[in-house]
Amino acid sequence: MGHGVSGMSFTHYRLGHLERGSVVEVTLSGSAANVRLMDSSNLSSYQSGRQHRYYGGLINRSPARITVPSSGDMACRRRYAGAQGHD
């Protein structure tokens, strides 16, 4: 588990190689969460504070299912959200 800029905790999962069209299922425990599914290139950009592309967003229901947009190494980051839902 890590800590975001605001001190809120987040969980990071390296999912390995996934094929396009696969489905990642995210189960929440409690309130809404910001969930970002990214390939390795976008994860690197995200970690460096650069512009990046992700799939997912504010998830209010569990389980949430996100379809993998392209084949490759994937990671998923989850942070339980406040009322505004910003990550």
PDB file of N, CA and C in Angstrom:
ATOM      1  N   MET A   1       0.850  -1.170   0.000  1.00  0.00           N
ATOM      2  CA  MET A   1       0.000   0.000   0.000  1.00  0.00           C
ATOM      3  C   MET A   1       0.892   1.228   0.000  1.00  0.00           C
ATOM      4  N   GLY A   2       0.478   2.267  -0.688  1.00  0.00           N
ATOM      5  CA  GLY A   2       1.226   3.515  -0.743  1.00  0.00           C
ATOM      6  C   GLY A   2       0.392   4.648  -0.212  1.00  0.00           C
ATOM      7  N   HIS A   3       0.958   5.830  -0.286  1.00  0.00           N
ATOM      8  CA  HIS A   3       0.228   7.012   0.172  1.00  0.00           C
ATOM      9  C   HIS A   3       0.271   8.078  -0.894  1.00  0.00           C
ATOM     10  N   GLY A   4      -0.867   8.668  -1.187  1.00  0.00           N
ATOM     11  CA  GLY A   4      -0.968   9.723  -2.189  1.00  0.00           C
ATOM     12  C   GLY A   4      -0.503  11.052  -1.625  1.00  0.00           C
ATOM     13  N   VAL A   5      -0.534  12.055  -2.460  1.00  0.00           N
ATOM     14  CA  VAL A   5      -0.096  13.390  -2.086  1.00  0.00           C
ATOM     15  C   VAL A   5      -0.855  13.902  -0.876  1.00  0.00           C
ATOM     16  N   SER A   6      -2.130  13.638  -0.815  1.00  0.00           N
ATOM     17  CA  SER A   6      -2.944  14.144   0.285  1.00  0.00           C
ATOM     18  C   SER A   6      -2.875  13.254   1.516  1.00  0.00           C
ATOM     19  N   GLY A   7      -2.079  12.190   1.467  1.00  0.00           N
ATOM     20  CA  GLY A   7      -1.973  11.281   2.590  1.00  0.00           C
ATOM     21  C   GLY A   7      -2.987  10.149   2.553  1.00  0.00           C
ATOM     22  N   MET A   8      -3.865  10.146   1.546  1.00  0.00           N
ATOM     23  CA  MET A   8      -4.843   9.076   1.436  1.00  0.00           C
ATOM     24  C   MET A   8      -4.144   7.836   0.898  1.00  0.00           C
ATOM     25  N   SER A   9      -4.507   6.686   1.405  1.00  0.00           N
ATOM     26  CA  SER A   9      -3.824   5.471   0.991  1.00  0.00           C
ATOM     27  C   SER A   9      -4.372   4.950  -0.340  1.00  0.00           C
ATOM     28  N   PHE A  10      -3.511   4.237  -1.046  1.00  0.00           N
ATOM     29  CA  PHE A  10      -3.912   3.612  -2.291  1.00  0.00           C
ATOM     30  C   PHE A  10      -3.274   2.242  -2.380  1.00  0.00           C
ATOM     31  N   THR A  11      -3.802   1.414  -3.251  1.00  0.00           N
ATOM     32  CA  THR A  11      -3.275   0.084  -3.484  1.00  0.00           C
ATOM     33  C   THR A  11      -2.924  -0.028  -4.951  1.00  0.00           C
ATOM     34  N   HIS A  12      -1.781  -0.622  -5.215  1.00  0.00           N
ATOM     35  CA  HIS A  12      -1.272  -0.752  -6.574  1.00  0.00           C
ATOM     36  C   HIS A  12      -1.103  -2.235  -6.879  1.00  0.00           C
ATOM     37  N   TYR A  13      -1.626  -2.662  -7.998  1.00  0.00           N
ATOM     38  CA  TYR A  13      -1.536  -4.061  -8.405  1.00  0.00           C
ATOM     39  C   TYR A  13      -0.875  -4.153  -9.770  1.00  0.00           C
ATOM     40  N   ARG A  14       0.176  -4.938  -9.883  1.00  0.00           N
ATOM     41  CA  ARG A  14       0.755  -5.266 -11.189  1.00  0.00           C
ATOM     42  C   ARG A  14       0.055  -6.537 -11.658  1.00  0.00           C
ATOM     43  N   LEU A  15      -0.608  -6.450 -12.795  1.00  0.00           N
ATOM     44  CA  LEU A  15      -1.446  -7.545 -13.276  1.00  0.00           C
ATOM     45  C   LEU A  15      -0.736  -8.446 -14.278  1.00  0.00           C
ATOM     46  N   GLY A  16       0.457  -8.044 -14.713  1.00  0.00           N
ATOM     47  CA  GLY A  16       1.171  -8.831 -15.707  1.00  0.00           C
ATOM     48  C   GLY A  16       0.580  -8.634 -17.088  1.00  0.00           C
ATOM     49  N   HIS A  17       0.882  -9.555 -17.980  1.00  0.00           N
ATOM     50  CA  HIS A  17       0.419  -9.449 -19.371  1.00  0.00           C
ATOM     51  C   HIS A  17      -1.043  -9.866 -19.461  1.00  0.00           C
ATOM     52  N   LEU A  18      -1.861  -8.978 -20.017  1.00  0.00           N
ATOM     53  CA  LEU A  18      -3.270  -9.271 -20.256  1.00  0.00           C
ATOM     54  C   LEU A  18      -3.571  -9.074 -21.731  1.00  0.00           C
ATOM     55  N   GLU A  19      -4.472  -9.863 -22.232  1.00  0.00           N
ATOM     56  CA  GLU A  19      -4.877  -9.772 -23.629  1.00  0.00           C
ATOM     57  C   GLU A  19      -6.028  -8.786 -23.793  1.00  0.00           C
ATOM     58  N   ARG A  20      -6.027  -8.121 -24.948  1.00  0.00           N
ATOM     59  CA  ARG A  20      -7.123  -7.205 -25.285  1.00  0.00           C
ATOM     60  C   ARG A  20      -8.451  -7.937 -25.163  1.00  0.00           C
ATOM     61  N   GLY A  21      -9.421  -7.276 -24.554  1.00  0.00           N
ATOM     62  CA  GLY A  21     -10.745  -7.864 -24.381  1.00  0.00           C
ATOM     63  C   GLY A  21     -10.919  -8.604 -23.063  1.00  0.00           C
ATOM     64  N   SER A  22      -9.811  -8.887 -22.365  1.00  0.00           N
ATOM     65  CA  SER A  22      -9.923  -9.491 -21.034  1.00  0.00           C
ATOM     66  C   SER A  22     -10.637  -8.515 -20.119  1.00  0.00           C
ATOM     67  N   VAL A  23     -11.178  -9.019 -19.037  1.00  0.00           N
ATOM     68  CA  VAL A  23     -11.902  -8.171 -18.092  1.00  0.00           C
ATOM     69  C   VAL A  23     -11.215  -8.213 -16.736  1.00  0.00           C
ATOM     70  N   VAL A  24     -10.934  -7.024 -16.194  1.00  0.00           N
ATOM     71  CA  VAL A  24     -10.388  -6.897 -14.848  1.00  0.00           C
ATOM     72  C   VAL A  24     -11.564  -6.573 -13.935  1.00  0.00           C
ATOM     73  N   GLU A  25     -11.719  -7.364 -12.887  1.00  0.00           N
ATOM     74  CA  GLU A  25     -12.806  -7.145 -11.945  1.00  0.00           C
ATOM     75  C   GLU A  25     -12.230  -6.577 -10.657  1.00  0.00           C
ATOM     76  N   VAL A  26     -12.789  -5.452 -10.210  1.00  0.00           N
ATOM     77  CA  VAL A  26     -12.335  -4.771  -9.004  1.00  0.00           C
ATOM     78  C   VAL A  26     -13.454  -4.821  -7.975  1.00  0.00           C
ATOM     79  N   THR A  27     -13.126  -5.357  -6.803  1.00  0.00           N
ATOM     80  CA  THR A  27     -14.088  -5.439  -5.712  1.00  0.00           C
ATOM     81  C   THR A  27     -13.748  -4.388  -4.667  1.00  0.00           C
ATOM     82  N   LEU A  28     -14.723  -3.574  -4.315  1.00  0.00           N
ATOM     83  CA  LEU A  28     -14.524  -2.529  -3.318  1.00  0.00           C
ATOM     84  C   LEU A  28     -14.968  -3.024  -1.949  1.00  0.00           C
ATOM     85  N   SER A  29     -14.323  -2.498  -0.926  1.00  0.00           N
ATOM     86  CA  SER A  29     -14.797  -2.757   0.437  1.00  0.00           C
ATOM     87  C   SER A  29     -15.131  -1.406   1.039  1.00  0.00           C
ATOM     88  N   GLY A  30     -16.394  -1.080   1.029  1.00  0.00           N
ATOM     89  CA  GLY A  30     -16.809   0.205   1.572  1.00  0.00           C
ATOM     90  C   GLY A  30     -17.217   1.178   0.495  1.00  0.00           C
ATOM     91  N   SER A  31     -16.706   2.402   0.622  1.00  0.00           N
ATOM     92  CA  SER A  31     -17.145   3.513  -0.228  1.00  0.00           C
ATOM     93  C   SER A  31     -16.567   3.445  -1.634  1.00  0.00           C
ATOM     94  N   ALA A  32     -16.889   4.443  -2.408  1.00  0.00           N
ATOM     95  CA  ALA A  32     -16.419   4.562  -3.786  1.00  0.00           C
ATOM     96  C   ALA A  32     -14.897   4.653  -3.842  1.00  0.00           C
ATOM     97  N   ALA A  33     -14.345   4.326  -4.999  1.00  0.00           N
ATOM     98  CA  ALA A  33     -12.902   4.395  -5.174  1.00  0.00           C
ATOM     99  C   ALA A  33     -12.568   4.861  -6.583  1.00  0.00           C
ATOM    100  N   ASN A  34     -11.431   5.503  -6.711  1.00  0.00           N
ATOM    101  CA  ASN A  34     -10.878   5.831  -8.021  1.00  0.00           C
ATOM    102  C   ASN A  34     -10.026   4.647  -8.448  1.00  0.00           C
ATOM    103  N   VAL A  35     -10.345   4.089  -9.605  1.00  0.00           N
ATOM    104  CA  VAL A  35      -9.634   2.922 -10.113  1.00  0.00           C
ATOM    105  C   VAL A  35      -9.075   3.280 -11.475  1.00  0.00           C
ATOM    106  N   ARG A  36      -7.770   3.052 -11.647  1.00  0.00           N
ATOM    107  CA  ARG A  36      -7.112   3.340 -12.921  1.00  0.00           C
ATOM    108  C   ARG A  36      -6.429   2.089 -13.439  1.00  0.00           C
ATOM    109  N   LEU A  37      -6.824   1.651 -14.626  1.00  0.00           N
ATOM    110  CA  LEU A  37      -6.174   0.547 -15.313  1.00  0.00           C
ATOM    111  C   LEU A  37      -5.285   1.167 -16.380  1.00  0.00           C
ATOM    112  N   MET A  38      -3.970   0.857 -16.324  1.00  0.00           N
ATOM    113  CA  MET A  38      -2.996   1.469 -17.238  1.00  0.00           C
ATOM    114  C   MET A  38      -2.011   0.427 -17.745  1.00  0.00           C
ATOM    115  N   ASP A  39      -1.500   0.663 -18.954  1.00  0.00           N
ATOM    116  CA  ASP A  39      -0.399  -0.163 -19.429  1.00  0.00           C
ATOM    117  C   ASP A  39       0.899   0.375 -18.816  1.00  0.00           C
ATOM    118  N   SER A  40       2.003  -0.333 -19.033  1.00  0.00           N
ATOM    119  CA  SER A  40       3.265   0.027 -18.373  1.00  0.00           C
ATOM    120  C   SER A  40       3.771   1.406 -18.777  1.00  0.00           C
ATOM    121  N   SER A  41       3.570   1.805 -20.011  1.00  0.00           N
ATOM    122  CA  SER A  41       4.007   3.121 -20.471  1.00  0.00           C
ATOM    123  C   SER A  41       3.240   4.238 -19.770  1.00  0.00           C
ATOM    124  N   ASN A  42       1.922   4.083 -19.699  1.00  0.00           N
ATOM    125  CA  ASN A  42       1.100   5.088 -19.025  1.00  0.00           C
ATOM    126  C   ASN A  42       1.328   5.091 -17.523  1.00  0.00           C
ATOM    127  N   LEU A  43       1.610   3.933 -16.939  1.00  0.00           N
ATOM    128  CA  LEU A  43       1.924   3.879 -15.512  1.00  0.00           C
ATOM    129  C   LEU A  43       3.195   4.675 -15.228  1.00  0.00           C
ATOM    130  N   SER A  44       4.201   4.520 -16.075  1.00  0.00           N
ATOM    131  CA  SER A  44       5.451   5.270 -15.912  1.00  0.00           C
ATOM    132  C   SER A  44       5.200   6.773 -16.003  1.00  0.00           C
ATOM    133  N   SER A  45       4.388   7.183 -16.972  1.00  0.00           N
ATOM    134  CA  SER A  45       4.040   8.603 -17.116  1.00  0.00           C
ATOM    135  C   SER A  45       3.295   9.092 -15.883  1.00  0.00           C
ATOM    136  N   TYR A  46       2.345   8.295 -15.399  1.00  0.00           N
ATOM    137  CA  TYR A  46       1.565   8.653 -14.218  1.00  0.00           C
ATOM    138  C   TYR A  46       2.477   8.844 -13.005  1.00  0.00           C
ATOM    139  N   GLN A  47       3.400   7.900 -12.805  1.00  0.00           N
ATOM    140  CA  GLN A  47       4.299   7.963 -11.656  1.00  0.00           C
ATOM    141  C   GLN A  47       5.250   9.146 -11.738  1.00  0.00           C
ATOM    142  N   SER A  48       5.510   9.622 -12.944  1.00  0.00           N
ATOM    143  CA  SER A  48       6.388  10.779 -13.147  1.00  0.00           C
ATOM    144  C   SER A  48       5.616  12.098 -13.158  1.00  0.00           C
ATOM    145  N   GLY A  49       4.305  12.026 -12.968  1.00  0.00           N
ATOM    146  CA  GLY A  49       3.483  13.232 -12.943  1.00  0.00           C
ATOM    147  C   GLY A  49       3.189  13.791 -14.323  1.00  0.00           C
ATOM    148  N   ARG A  50       3.387  12.972 -15.358  1.00  0.00           N
ATOM    149  CA  ARG A  50       3.124  13.418 -16.727  1.00  0.00           C
ATOM    150  C   ARG A  50       1.722  12.986 -17.164  1.00  0.00           C
ATOM    151  N   GLN A  51       1.290  13.551 -18.264  1.00  0.00           N
ATOM    152  CA  GLN A  51      -0.003  13.199 -18.832  1.00  0.00           C
ATOM    153  C   GLN A  51      -0.018  11.713 -19.161  1.00  0.00           C
ATOM    154  N   HIS A  52      -1.111  11.062 -18.885  1.00  0.00           N
ATOM    155  CA  HIS A  52      -1.225   9.629 -19.118  1.00  0.00           C
ATOM    156  C   HIS A  52      -2.671   9.279 -19.449  1.00  0.00           C
ATOM    157  N   ARG A  53      -2.858   8.086 -19.964  1.00  0.00           N
ATOM    158  CA  ARG A  53      -4.189   7.592 -20.308  1.00  0.00           C
ATOM    159  C   ARG A  53      -4.492   6.389 -19.426  1.00  0.00           C
ATOM    160  N   TYR A  54      -5.716   6.328 -18.951  1.00  0.00           N
ATOM    161  CA  TYR A  54      -6.131   5.200 -18.123  1.00  0.00           C
ATOM    162  C   TYR A  54      -7.579   4.861 -18.428  1.00  0.00           C
ATOM    163  N   TYR A  55      -8.000   3.700 -17.969  1.00  0.00           N
ATOM    164  CA  TYR A  55      -9.381   3.252 -18.113  1.00  0.00           C
ATOM    165  C   TYR A  55      -9.917   3.021 -16.717  1.00  0.00           C
ATOM    166  N   GLY A  56     -11.172   3.348 -16.509  1.00  0.00           N
ATOM    167  CA  GLY A  56     -11.778   3.241 -15.190  1.00  0.00           C
ATOM    168  C   GLY A  56     -12.263   4.602 -14.761  1.00  0.00           C
ATOM    169  N   GLY A  57     -11.923   4.994 -13.539  1.00  0.00           N
ATOM    170  CA  GLY A  57     -12.358   6.267 -12.989  1.00  0.00           C
ATOM    171  C   GLY A  57     -13.032   6.037 -11.646  1.00  0.00           C
ATOM    172  N   LEU A  58     -13.975   6.902 -11.313  1.00  0.00           N
ATOM    173  CA  LEU A  58     -14.685   6.782 -10.049  1.00  0.00           C
ATOM    174  C   LEU A  58     -15.658   5.611 -10.129  1.00  0.00           C
ATOM    175  N   ILE A  59     -15.457   4.636  -9.268  1.00  0.00           N
ATOM    176  CA  ILE A  59     -16.286   3.433  -9.226  1.00  0.00           C
ATOM    177  C   ILE A  59     -17.152   3.498  -7.975  1.00  0.00           C
ATOM    178  N   ASN A  60     -18.462   3.381  -8.166  1.00  0.00           N
ATOM    179  CA  ASN A  60     -19.402   3.455  -7.042  1.00  0.00           C
ATOM    180  C   ASN A  60     -20.007   2.112  -6.674  1.00  0.00           C
ATOM    181  N   ARG A  61     -19.909   1.135  -7.566  1.00  0.00           N
ATOM    182  CA  ARG A  61     -20.516  -0.173  -7.328  1.00  0.00           C
ATOM    183  C   ARG A  61     -19.471  -1.264  -7.410  1.00  0.00           C
ATOM    184  N   SER A  62     -19.693  -2.283  -6.637  1.00  0.00           N
ATOM    185  CA  SER A  62     -18.776  -3.414  -6.629  1.00  0.00           C
ATOM    186  C   SER A  62     -19.556  -4.678  -6.956  1.00  0.00           C
ATOM    187  N   PRO A  63     -18.998  -5.569  -7.754  1.00  0.00           N
ATOM    188  CA  PRO A  63     -17.701  -5.425  -8.415  1.00  0.00           C
ATOM    189  C   PRO A  63     -17.807  -4.570  -9.670  1.00  0.00           C
ATOM    190  N   ALA A  64     -16.720  -3.898 -10.001  1.00  0.00           N
ATOM    191  CA  ALA A  64     -16.631  -3.117 -11.235  1.00  0.00           C
ATOM    192  C   ALA A  64     -15.826  -3.936 -12.238  1.00  0.00           C
ATOM    193  N   ARG A  65     -16.212  -3.863 -13.481  1.00  0.00           N
ATOM    194  CA  ARG A  65     -15.506  -4.603 -14.527  1.00  0.00           C
ATOM    195  C   ARG A  65     -14.969  -3.617 -15.557  1.00  0.00           C
ATOM    196  N   ILE A  66     -13.668  -3.728 -15.833  1.00  0.00           N
ATOM    197  CA  ILE A  66     -13.015  -2.854 -16.810  1.00  0.00           C
ATOM    198  C   ILE A  66     -12.433  -3.745 -17.890  1.00  0.00           C
ATOM    199  N   THR A  67     -12.800  -3.476 -19.134  1.00  0.00           N
ATOM    200  CA  THR A  67     -12.282  -4.250 -20.263  1.00  0.00           C
ATOM    201  C   THR A  67     -10.906  -3.736 -20.657  1.00  0.00           C
ATOM    202  N   VAL A  68      -9.965  -4.649 -20.817  1.00  0.00           N
ATOM    203  CA  VAL A  68      -8.593  -4.301 -21.197  1.00  0.00           C
ATOM    204  C   VAL A  68      -8.613  -3.833 -22.657  1.00  0.00           C
ATOM    205  N   PRO A  69      -8.134  -2.591 -22.922  1.00  0.00           N
ATOM    206  CA  PRO A  69      -8.243  -2.009 -24.261  1.00  0.00           C
ATOM    207  C   PRO A  69      -7.224  -2.539 -25.273  1.00  0.00           C
ATOM    208  N   SER A  70      -6.070  -3.007 -24.799  1.00  0.00           N
ATOM    209  CA  SER A  70      -5.033  -3.527 -25.706  1.00  0.00           C
ATOM    210  C   SER A  70      -4.174  -4.517 -24.936  1.00  0.00           C
ATOM    211  N   SER A  71      -3.562  -5.442 -25.656  1.00  0.00           N
ATOM    212  CA  SER A  71      -2.709  -6.450 -25.018  1.00  0.00           C
ATOM    213  C   SER A  71      -1.426  -5.817 -24.507  1.00  0.00           C
ATOM    214  N   GLY A  72      -0.959  -6.271 -23.346  1.00  0.00           N
ATOM    215  CA  GLY A  72       0.295  -5.776 -22.796  1.00  0.00           C
ATOM    216  C   GLY A  72       0.335  -5.928 -21.290  1.00  0.00           C
ATOM    217  N   ASP A  73       1.432  -5.474 -20.690  1.00  0.00           N
ATOM    218  CA  ASP A  73       1.570  -5.494 -19.237  1.00  0.00           C
ATOM    219  C   ASP A  73       0.683  -4.413 -18.650  1.00  0.00           C
ATOM    220  N   MET A  74      -0.123  -4.771 -17.685  1.00  0.00           N
ATOM    221  CA  MET A  74      -1.096  -3.850 -17.104  1.00  0.00           C
ATOM    222  C   MET A  74      -0.902  -3.722 -15.604  1.00  0.00           C
ATOM    223  N   ALA A  75      -1.341  -2.576 -15.096  1.00  0.00           N
ATOM    224  CA  ALA A  75      -1.348  -2.321 -13.660  1.00  0.00           C
ATOM    225  C   ALA A  75      -2.666  -1.649 -13.315  1.00  0.00           C
ATOM    226  N   CYS A  76      -3.090  -1.820 -12.087  1.00  0.00           N
ATOM    227  CA  CYS A  76      -4.321  -1.210 -11.607  1.00  0.00           C
ATOM    228  C   CYS A  76      -4.013  -0.507 -10.295  1.00  0.00           C
ATOM    229  N   ARG A  77      -4.504   0.715 -10.171  1.00  0.00           N
ATOM    230  CA  ARG A  77      -4.305   1.507  -8.955  1.00  0.00           C
ATOM    231  C   ARG A  77      -5.673   1.859  -8.405  1.00  0.00           C
ATOM    232  N   ARG A  78      -5.848   1.625  -7.101  1.00  0.00           N
ATOM    233  CA  ARG A  78      -7.134   1.904  -6.461  1.00  0.00           C
ATOM    234  C   ARG A  78      -6.906   2.820  -5.263  1.00  0.00           C
ATOM    235  N   ARG A  79      -7.699   3.879  -5.191  1.00  0.00           N
ATOM    236  CA  ARG A  79      -7.656   4.766  -4.031  1.00  0.00           C
ATOM    237  C   ARG A  79      -9.080   5.075  -3.628  1.00  0.00           C
ATOM    238  N   TYR A  80      -9.380   4.832  -2.376  1.00  0.00           N
ATOM    239  CA  TYR A  80     -10.727   5.144  -1.905  1.00  0.00           C
ATOM    240  C   TYR A  80     -10.921   6.644  -1.935  1.00  0.00           C
ATOM    241  N   ALA A  81     -12.062   7.046  -2.479  1.00  0.00           N
ATOM    242  CA  ALA A  81     -12.295   8.445  -2.830  1.00  0.00           C
ATOM    243  C   ALA A  81     -13.035   9.209  -1.748  1.00  0.00           C
ATOM    244  N   GLY A  82     -12.778  10.516  -1.750  1.00  0.00           N
ATOM    245  CA  GLY A  82     -13.598  11.441  -0.974  1.00  0.00           C
ATOM    246  C   GLY A  82     -14.812  11.796  -1.799  1.00  0.00           C
ATOM    247  N   ALA A  83     -15.564  12.733  -1.371  1.00  0.00           N
ATOM    248  CA  ALA A  83     -16.809  13.089  -2.048  1.00  0.00           C
ATOM    249  C   ALA A  83     -16.576  13.603  -3.463  1.00  0.00           C
ATOM    250  N   GLN A  84     -15.410  14.226  -3.741  1.00  0.00           N
ATOM    251  CA  GLN A  84     -15.181  14.809  -5.054  1.00  0.00           C
ATOM    252  C   GLN A  84     -14.698  13.801  -6.078  1.00  0.00           C
ATOM    253  N   GLY A  85     -14.118  12.699  -5.641  1.00  0.00           N
ATOM    254  CA  GLY A  85     -13.730  11.642  -6.577  1.00  0.00           C
ATOM    255  C   GLY A  85     -12.501  11.943  -7.394  1.00  0.00           C
ATOM    256  N   HIS A  86     -11.636  12.845  -6.958  1.00  0.00           N
ATOM    257  CA  HIS A  86     -10.412  13.139  -7.711  1.00  0.00           C
ATOM    258  C   HIS A  86      -9.285  12.279  -7.200  1.00  0.00           C
ATOM    259  N   ASP A  87      -8.399  11.887  -8.103  1.00  0.00           N
ATOM    260  CA  ASP A  87      -7.262  11.052  -7.759  1.00  0.00           C
ATOM    261  C   ASP A  87      -5.994  11.857  -7.751  1.00  0.00           C
TER     262      ASP A  87
END
